Amino acid sequence: MRKQLICIDPGASGAFCYYDQDEIVRAENMPQTMPEIADRLRELSVQHPDIRCVMEKVGFHVAGNNASASAKFARHCGNLEAILYVLGIPTEQVTPQKWMKRLGSLPREKTARKNKIKEIVATRFPHIRATLKNSDALGILITEIDK
């Protein structure tokens, strides 16, 4: 049975991952522009008509962060949500805390935590070059597979 799932880490330096036609997990860095993102998601929705999406629930202002950067990131997340909606891809959002908890014990410090997620992803998907850009999307996929 073909797996109809795409997982998205919506950051500009994020990624999305999905199963290809041969049911092999693939990961792609986030395209640079909204038209490129829309085109790629459209292609995936055509290849997988019943695809659903799990996207990390981020895109809001965090105290101490630059307000202008927060607003830009929130627009980017909103644009992604709109593209998914227009394409008819049902989307569920999951908080970073929730999906990371499902991976088990992770370091509290951000750099160490990101590297641990990358290590988990590399072990689970040895055919993919795990990077800091694609590890969160792949981590979300692991938590969805293991539900």
N, C-alpha and C. Protein backbone atom coordinates (compact mmCIF):
# COMPACT_ATOMS: atom_id res chain seq x y z
N MET A 1 0.85 -1.19 0.00
CA MET A 1 0.00 0.00 0.00
C MET A 1 0.88 1.25 0.00
N ARG A 2 0.66 2.13 -0.93
CA ARG A 2 1.48 3.33 -1.05
C ARG A 2 1.23 4.28 0.11
N LYS A 3 2.29 4.82 0.65
CA LYS A 3 2.19 5.75 1.77
C LYS A 3 1.96 7.15 1.22
N GLN A 4 0.94 7.79 1.68
CA GLN A 4 0.53 9.10 1.16
C GLN A 4 0.79 10.17 2.23
N LEU A 5 2.04 10.52 2.45
CA LEU A 5 2.37 11.44 3.52
C LEU A 5 3.54 12.33 3.12
N ILE A 6 3.40 13.60 3.45
CA ILE A 6 4.50 14.54 3.31
C ILE A 6 4.66 15.23 4.66
N CYS A 7 5.90 15.35 5.12
CA CYS A 7 6.18 16.02 6.39
C CYS A 7 7.02 17.26 6.09
N ILE A 8 6.64 18.37 6.73
CA ILE A 8 7.28 19.64 6.41
C ILE A 8 7.82 20.33 7.66
N ASP A 9 9.10 20.71 7.58
CA ASP A 9 9.70 21.66 8.50
C ASP A 9 9.67 22.98 7.73
N PRO A 10 8.77 23.91 8.11
CA PRO A 10 8.50 25.06 7.25
C PRO A 10 9.53 26.16 7.20
N GLY A 11 10.61 26.07 7.92
CA GLY A 11 11.59 27.14 7.87
C GLY A 11 12.17 27.32 6.48
N ALA A 12 12.64 28.54 6.20
CA ALA A 12 13.29 28.80 4.91
C ALA A 12 14.50 27.89 4.75
N SER A 13 15.11 27.51 5.88
CA SER A 13 16.21 26.54 5.83
C SER A 13 15.71 25.17 6.27
N GLY A 14 14.41 24.94 6.12
CA GLY A 14 13.81 23.66 6.45
C GLY A 14 13.76 22.75 5.24
N ALA A 15 12.82 21.80 5.29
CA ALA A 15 12.74 20.81 4.22
C ALA A 15 11.38 20.14 4.25
N PHE A 16 11.14 19.31 3.25
CA PHE A 16 10.02 18.42 3.32
C PHE A 16 10.47 17.04 2.87
N CYS A 17 9.77 16.02 3.36
CA CYS A 17 10.09 14.66 3.00
C CYS A 17 8.80 13.92 2.69
N TYR A 18 8.93 12.86 1.94
CA TYR A 18 7.76 12.14 1.43
C TYR A 18 8.22 10.79 0.91
N TYR A 19 7.26 9.94 0.62
CA TYR A 19 7.55 8.66 -0.04
C TYR A 19 7.44 8.89 -1.55
N ASP A 20 8.43 8.38 -2.30
CA ASP A 20 8.34 8.50 -3.75
C ASP A 20 7.47 7.37 -4.32
N GLN A 21 7.42 7.26 -5.63
CA GLN A 21 6.56 6.27 -6.29
C GLN A 21 6.92 4.83 -5.91
N ASP A 22 8.17 4.60 -5.51
CA ASP A 22 8.62 3.27 -5.12
C ASP A 22 8.57 3.06 -3.61
N GLU A 23 7.88 3.97 -2.91
CA GLU A 23 7.72 3.93 -1.46
C GLU A 23 9.05 4.07 -0.73
N ILE A 24 9.97 4.81 -1.32
CA ILE A 24 11.25 5.12 -0.69
C ILE A 24 11.17 6.55 -0.17
N VAL A 25 11.62 6.75 1.05
CA VAL A 25 11.59 8.09 1.65
C VAL A 25 12.60 8.99 0.94
N ARG A 26 12.13 10.18 0.59
CA ARG A 26 12.96 11.20 -0.05
C ARG A 26 12.87 12.48 0.78
N ALA A 27 13.92 13.26 0.75
CA ALA A 27 13.93 14.56 1.44
C ALA A 27 14.45 15.61 0.48
N GLU A 28 13.83 16.78 0.54
CA GLU A 28 14.25 17.90 -0.30
C GLU A 28 14.33 19.15 0.56
N ASN A 29 15.34 19.95 0.34
CA ASN A 29 15.41 21.24 1.03
C ASN A 29 14.25 22.11 0.57
N MET A 30 13.84 23.01 1.42
CA MET A 30 12.74 23.91 1.10
C MET A 30 13.12 24.72 -0.14
N PRO A 31 12.28 24.70 -1.18
CA PRO A 31 12.56 25.55 -2.36
C PRO A 31 12.67 27.01 -1.93
N GLN A 32 13.34 27.79 -2.74
CA GLN A 32 13.65 29.18 -2.37
C GLN A 32 12.48 30.15 -2.45
N THR A 33 11.56 29.93 -3.40
CA THR A 33 10.48 30.90 -3.58
C THR A 33 9.12 30.23 -3.42
N MET A 34 8.10 31.02 -3.14
CA MET A 34 6.75 30.48 -3.00
C MET A 34 6.28 29.80 -4.29
N PRO A 35 6.53 30.38 -5.50
CA PRO A 35 6.12 29.65 -6.71
C PRO A 35 6.81 28.29 -6.83
N GLU A 36 8.08 28.21 -6.46
CA GLU A 36 8.79 26.93 -6.51
C GLU A 36 8.21 25.94 -5.50
N ILE A 37 7.87 26.42 -4.31
CA ILE A 37 7.25 25.57 -3.29
C ILE A 37 5.89 25.07 -3.80
N ALA A 38 5.08 25.99 -4.32
CA ALA A 38 3.76 25.61 -4.82
C ALA A 38 3.87 24.60 -5.96
N ASP A 39 4.79 24.82 -6.87
CA ASP A 39 4.97 23.90 -7.99
C ASP A 39 5.37 22.51 -7.51
N ARG A 40 6.29 22.45 -6.56
CA ARG A 40 6.76 21.14 -6.08
C ARG A 40 5.65 20.41 -5.32
N LEU A 41 4.93 21.14 -4.47
CA LEU A 41 3.83 20.49 -3.74
C LEU A 41 2.71 20.06 -4.69
N ARG A 42 2.47 20.84 -5.74
CA ARG A 42 1.48 20.45 -6.75
C ARG A 42 1.92 19.14 -7.43
N GLU A 43 3.19 19.04 -7.79
CA GLU A 43 3.70 17.82 -8.41
C GLU A 43 3.48 16.61 -7.49
N LEU A 44 3.79 16.79 -6.21
CA LEU A 44 3.61 15.68 -5.26
C LEU A 44 2.14 15.32 -5.10
N SER A 45 1.26 16.32 -5.12
CA SER A 45 -0.17 16.03 -4.96
C SER A 45 -0.73 15.31 -6.19
N VAL A 46 -0.15 15.55 -7.36
CA VAL A 46 -0.56 14.84 -8.56
C VAL A 46 -0.05 13.40 -8.53
N GLN A 47 1.20 13.22 -8.10
CA GLN A 47 1.78 11.88 -8.00
C GLN A 47 1.09 11.04 -6.93
N HIS A 48 0.61 11.69 -5.87
CA HIS A 48 -0.01 11.01 -4.73
C HIS A 48 -1.35 11.68 -4.44
N PRO A 49 -2.41 11.32 -5.16
CA PRO A 49 -3.69 12.03 -5.05
C PRO A 49 -4.30 12.06 -3.65
N ASP A 50 -4.00 11.08 -2.81
CA ASP A 50 -4.57 11.05 -1.46
C ASP A 50 -3.57 11.48 -0.40
N ILE A 51 -2.58 12.25 -0.80
CA ILE A 51 -1.53 12.65 0.13
C ILE A 51 -2.10 13.52 1.25
N ARG A 52 -1.52 13.37 2.42
CA ARG A 52 -1.83 14.24 3.55
C ARG A 52 -0.51 14.81 4.05
N CYS A 53 -0.60 15.86 4.85
CA CYS A 53 0.61 16.55 5.30
C CYS A 53 0.62 16.66 6.82
N VAL A 54 1.79 16.52 7.39
CA VAL A 54 2.04 16.86 8.79
C VAL A 54 3.14 17.92 8.76
N MET A 55 2.80 19.09 9.29
CA MET A 55 3.71 20.22 9.26
C MET A 55 4.01 20.67 10.69
N GLU A 56 5.26 21.04 10.92
CA GLU A 56 5.63 21.53 12.24
C GLU A 56 4.89 22.83 12.54
N LYS A 57 4.30 22.91 13.72
CA LYS A 57 3.53 24.09 14.12
C LYS A 57 4.47 25.13 14.70
N VAL A 58 4.90 26.01 13.83
CA VAL A 58 5.80 27.11 14.20
C VAL A 58 5.32 28.34 13.43
N GLY A 59 6.06 29.42 13.50
CA GLY A 59 5.69 30.59 12.71
C GLY A 59 5.07 31.69 13.53
N PHE A 60 5.40 31.72 14.81
CA PHE A 60 4.88 32.77 15.68
C PHE A 60 6.06 33.45 16.35
N HIS A 61 5.81 34.60 16.92
CA HIS A 61 6.88 35.38 17.55
C HIS A 61 7.27 34.77 18.89
N VAL A 62 8.56 34.68 19.11
CA VAL A 62 9.10 34.23 20.38
C VAL A 62 9.84 35.41 21.00
N ALA A 63 9.53 35.70 22.26
CA ALA A 63 10.17 36.83 22.95
C ALA A 63 11.69 36.73 22.81
N GLY A 64 12.29 37.86 22.47
CA GLY A 64 13.73 37.89 22.31
C GLY A 64 14.17 37.76 20.85
N ASN A 65 13.29 37.26 19.99
CA ASN A 65 13.61 37.17 18.57
C ASN A 65 13.30 38.49 17.87
N ASN A 66 13.94 38.73 16.76
CA ASN A 66 13.73 39.92 15.97
C ASN A 66 12.29 39.93 15.44
N ALA A 67 11.54 41.00 15.70
CA ALA A 67 10.13 41.07 15.31
C ALA A 67 9.95 41.00 13.79
N SER A 68 10.83 41.66 13.04
CA SER A 68 10.72 41.64 11.59
C SER A 68 10.95 40.23 11.04
N ALA A 69 11.93 39.53 11.58
CA ALA A 69 12.20 38.15 11.15
C ALA A 69 11.04 37.24 11.53
N SER A 70 10.45 37.47 12.71
CA SER A 70 9.30 36.67 13.14
C SER A 70 8.12 36.86 12.20
N ALA A 71 7.89 38.12 11.79
CA ALA A 71 6.78 38.40 10.88
C ALA A 71 7.02 37.74 9.52
N LYS A 72 8.25 37.79 9.02
CA LYS A 72 8.58 37.17 7.74
C LYS A 72 8.37 35.66 7.82
N PHE A 73 8.80 35.05 8.92
CA PHE A 73 8.64 33.60 9.10
C PHE A 73 7.16 33.23 9.20
N ALA A 74 6.38 34.05 9.92
CA ALA A 74 4.94 33.78 10.05
C ALA A 74 4.26 33.85 8.68
N ARG A 75 4.64 34.82 7.85
CA ARG A 75 4.08 34.91 6.49
C ARG A 75 4.44 33.67 5.67
N HIS A 76 5.68 33.23 5.79
CA HIS A 76 6.12 32.03 5.07
C HIS A 76 5.28 30.82 5.48
N CYS A 77 5.08 30.63 6.79
CA CYS A 77 4.27 29.51 7.28
C CYS A 77 2.82 29.63 6.79
N GLY A 78 2.28 30.84 6.83
CA GLY A 78 0.92 31.07 6.34
C GLY A 78 0.80 30.79 4.85
N ASN A 79 1.83 31.18 4.09
CA ASN A 79 1.82 30.88 2.66
C ASN A 79 1.83 29.37 2.41
N LEU A 80 2.62 28.65 3.18
CA LEU A 80 2.65 27.19 3.04
C LEU A 80 1.28 26.59 3.34
N GLU A 81 0.65 27.06 4.43
CA GLU A 81 -0.69 26.57 4.78
C GLU A 81 -1.68 26.85 3.65
N ALA A 82 -1.60 28.03 3.06
CA ALA A 82 -2.50 28.39 1.97
C ALA A 82 -2.27 27.52 0.74
N ILE A 83 -1.02 27.27 0.40
CA ILE A 83 -0.71 26.41 -0.75
C ILE A 83 -1.28 25.01 -0.52
N LEU A 84 -1.06 24.46 0.65
CA LEU A 84 -1.57 23.12 0.97
C LEU A 84 -3.10 23.10 0.90
N TYR A 85 -3.74 24.15 1.40
CA TYR A 85 -5.20 24.24 1.38
C TYR A 85 -5.72 24.28 -0.06
N VAL A 86 -5.13 25.15 -0.87
CA VAL A 86 -5.58 25.30 -2.26
C VAL A 86 -5.37 24.00 -3.04
N LEU A 87 -4.32 23.27 -2.73
CA LEU A 87 -4.06 22.00 -3.41
C LEU A 87 -4.94 20.87 -2.86
N GLY A 88 -5.69 21.16 -1.81
CA GLY A 88 -6.57 20.14 -1.23
C GLY A 88 -5.82 19.08 -0.44
N ILE A 89 -4.65 19.43 0.09
CA ILE A 89 -3.87 18.49 0.89
C ILE A 89 -4.24 18.69 2.35
N PRO A 90 -4.93 17.71 2.96
CA PRO A 90 -5.27 17.84 4.38
C PRO A 90 -3.98 17.97 5.20
N THR A 91 -3.99 18.92 6.13
CA THR A 91 -2.77 19.22 6.88
C THR A 91 -3.05 19.21 8.37
N GLU A 92 -2.18 18.52 9.08
CA GLU A 92 -2.19 18.50 10.54
C GLU A 92 -0.91 19.18 10.99
N GLN A 93 -1.01 19.95 12.05
CA GLN A 93 0.20 20.58 12.57
C GLN A 93 0.58 19.92 13.89
N VAL A 94 1.87 19.79 14.10
CA VAL A 94 2.38 19.17 15.32
C VAL A 94 3.46 20.08 15.90
N THR A 95 3.38 20.32 17.20
CA THR A 95 4.36 21.20 17.83
C THR A 95 5.72 20.51 17.88
N PRO A 96 6.79 21.30 17.88
CA PRO A 96 8.12 20.69 18.00
C PRO A 96 8.24 19.84 19.27
N GLN A 97 7.68 20.33 20.38
CA GLN A 97 7.77 19.59 21.63
C GLN A 97 7.13 18.21 21.52
N LYS A 98 5.98 18.15 20.84
CA LYS A 98 5.25 16.89 20.74
C LYS A 98 6.00 15.87 19.88
N TRP A 99 6.46 16.27 18.67
CA TRP A 99 7.12 15.28 17.83
C TRP A 99 8.49 14.92 18.38
N MET A 100 9.20 15.88 18.97
CA MET A 100 10.52 15.57 19.51
C MET A 100 10.41 14.62 20.71
N LYS A 101 9.36 14.78 21.51
CA LYS A 101 9.15 13.89 22.65
C LYS A 101 9.01 12.45 22.20
N ARG A 102 8.37 12.25 21.05
CA ARG A 102 8.17 10.89 20.51
C ARG A 102 9.48 10.24 20.07
N LEU A 103 10.53 11.03 19.86
CA LEU A 103 11.83 10.47 19.48
C LEU A 103 12.60 9.94 20.68
N GLY A 104 12.13 10.25 21.88
CA GLY A 104 12.83 9.80 23.08
C GLY A 104 13.58 10.95 23.71
N SER A 105 14.50 10.61 24.57
CA SER A 105 15.25 11.60 25.33
C SER A 105 16.21 12.36 24.40
N LEU A 106 16.06 13.67 24.39
CA LEU A 106 16.92 14.53 23.57
C LEU A 106 17.57 15.57 24.47
N PRO A 107 18.77 16.02 24.11
CA PRO A 107 19.42 17.08 24.89
C PRO A 107 18.58 18.37 24.91
N ARG A 108 18.71 19.13 25.97
CA ARG A 108 17.96 20.39 26.09
C ARG A 108 18.60 21.49 25.23
N GLU A 109 19.91 21.48 25.16
CA GLU A 109 20.62 22.52 24.42
C GLU A 109 20.37 22.33 22.92
N LYS A 110 20.05 23.44 22.24
CA LYS A 110 19.57 23.38 20.86
C LYS A 110 20.54 22.69 19.89
N THR A 111 21.81 23.08 19.89
CA THR A 111 22.76 22.49 18.95
C THR A 111 22.91 20.99 19.19
N ALA A 112 23.04 20.59 20.44
CA ALA A 112 23.16 19.17 20.76
C ALA A 112 21.88 18.41 20.38
N ARG A 113 20.73 19.04 20.61
CA ARG A 113 19.45 18.41 20.27
C ARG A 113 19.32 18.22 18.75
N LYS A 114 19.67 19.26 17.98
CA LYS A 114 19.59 19.17 16.52
C LYS A 114 20.53 18.07 16.00
N ASN A 115 21.72 17.99 16.57
CA ASN A 115 22.67 16.96 16.14
C ASN A 115 22.18 15.56 16.51
N LYS A 116 21.53 15.41 17.65
CA LYS A 116 20.98 14.11 18.05
C LYS A 116 19.86 13.69 17.10
N ILE A 117 18.99 14.63 16.74
CA ILE A 117 17.92 14.34 15.77
C ILE A 117 18.54 13.91 14.44
N LYS A 118 19.56 14.61 14.01
CA LYS A 118 20.25 14.27 12.76
C LYS A 118 20.82 12.85 12.84
N GLU A 119 21.37 12.48 13.97
CA GLU A 119 21.91 11.14 14.17
C GLU A 119 20.81 10.07 14.10
N ILE A 120 19.69 10.34 14.75
CA ILE A 120 18.55 9.40 14.72
C ILE A 120 18.06 9.21 13.28
N VAL A 121 17.93 10.32 12.58
CA VAL A 121 17.45 10.29 11.19
C VAL A 121 18.41 9.52 10.29
N ALA A 122 19.71 9.76 10.47
CA ALA A 122 20.72 9.08 9.65
C ALA A 122 20.68 7.58 9.87
N THR A 123 20.43 7.15 11.09
CA THR A 123 20.33 5.73 11.39
C THR A 123 19.08 5.12 10.77
N ARG A 124 17.97 5.83 10.85
CA ARG A 124 16.69 5.32 10.34
C ARG A 124 16.62 5.32 8.83
N PHE A 125 17.22 6.33 8.18
CA PHE A 125 17.17 6.46 6.73
C PHE A 125 18.59 6.56 6.17
N PRO A 126 19.34 5.44 6.16
CA PRO A 126 20.75 5.50 5.74
C PRO A 126 20.93 5.88 4.27
N HIS A 127 19.89 5.77 3.46
CA HIS A 127 20.00 6.14 2.05
C HIS A 127 19.90 7.64 1.81
N ILE A 128 19.56 8.38 2.87
CA ILE A 128 19.43 9.84 2.76
C ILE A 128 20.62 10.50 3.46
N ARG A 129 21.16 11.52 2.85
CA ARG A 129 22.21 12.31 3.51
C ARG A 129 21.53 13.23 4.51
N ALA A 130 21.55 12.83 5.77
CA ALA A 130 20.91 13.63 6.82
C ALA A 130 21.70 14.92 7.02
N THR A 131 20.97 16.03 7.06
CA THR A 131 21.58 17.35 7.27
C THR A 131 20.77 18.08 8.34
N LEU A 132 21.30 19.18 8.81
CA LEU A 132 20.53 19.98 9.77
C LEU A 132 19.29 20.57 9.10
N LYS A 133 19.32 20.75 7.78
CA LYS A 133 18.15 21.29 7.07
C LYS A 133 17.01 20.27 6.98
N ASN A 134 17.32 19.00 6.74
CA ASN A 134 16.25 18.03 6.52
C ASN A 134 15.91 17.16 7.72
N SER A 135 16.70 17.24 8.77
CA SER A 135 16.51 16.33 9.90
C SER A 135 15.18 16.51 10.63
N ASP A 136 14.71 17.73 10.78
CA ASP A 136 13.44 17.92 11.49
C ASP A 136 12.27 17.33 10.70
N ALA A 137 12.23 17.56 9.39
CA ALA A 137 11.16 16.99 8.58
C ALA A 137 11.20 15.47 8.65
N LEU A 138 12.39 14.90 8.57
CA LEU A 138 12.52 13.44 8.67
C LEU A 138 12.20 12.94 10.07
N GLY A 139 12.52 13.74 11.08
CA GLY A 139 12.15 13.37 12.45
C GLY A 139 10.64 13.33 12.63
N ILE A 140 9.96 14.29 12.03
CA ILE A 140 8.50 14.28 12.07
C ILE A 140 7.96 13.02 11.38
N LEU A 141 8.56 12.67 10.25
CA LEU A 141 8.14 11.46 9.54
C LEU A 141 8.32 10.21 10.40
N ILE A 142 9.44 10.11 11.08
CA ILE A 142 9.67 8.97 11.97
C ILE A 142 8.56 8.87 13.01
N THR A 143 8.19 10.00 13.60
CA THR A 143 7.16 9.96 14.65
C THR A 143 5.80 9.59 14.07
N GLU A 144 5.56 9.92 12.81
CA GLU A 144 4.29 9.55 12.17
C GLU A 144 4.29 8.05 11.83
N ILE A 145 5.42 7.53 11.37
CA ILE A 145 5.52 6.12 11.03
C ILE A 145 5.35 5.27 12.29
N ASP A 146 5.93 5.73 13.39
CA ASP A 146 5.96 4.95 14.63
C ASP A 146 4.73 5.12 15.51
N LYS A 147 3.75 5.87 15.05
CA LYS A 147 2.54 6.09 15.86
C LYS A 147 1.86 4.78 16.18
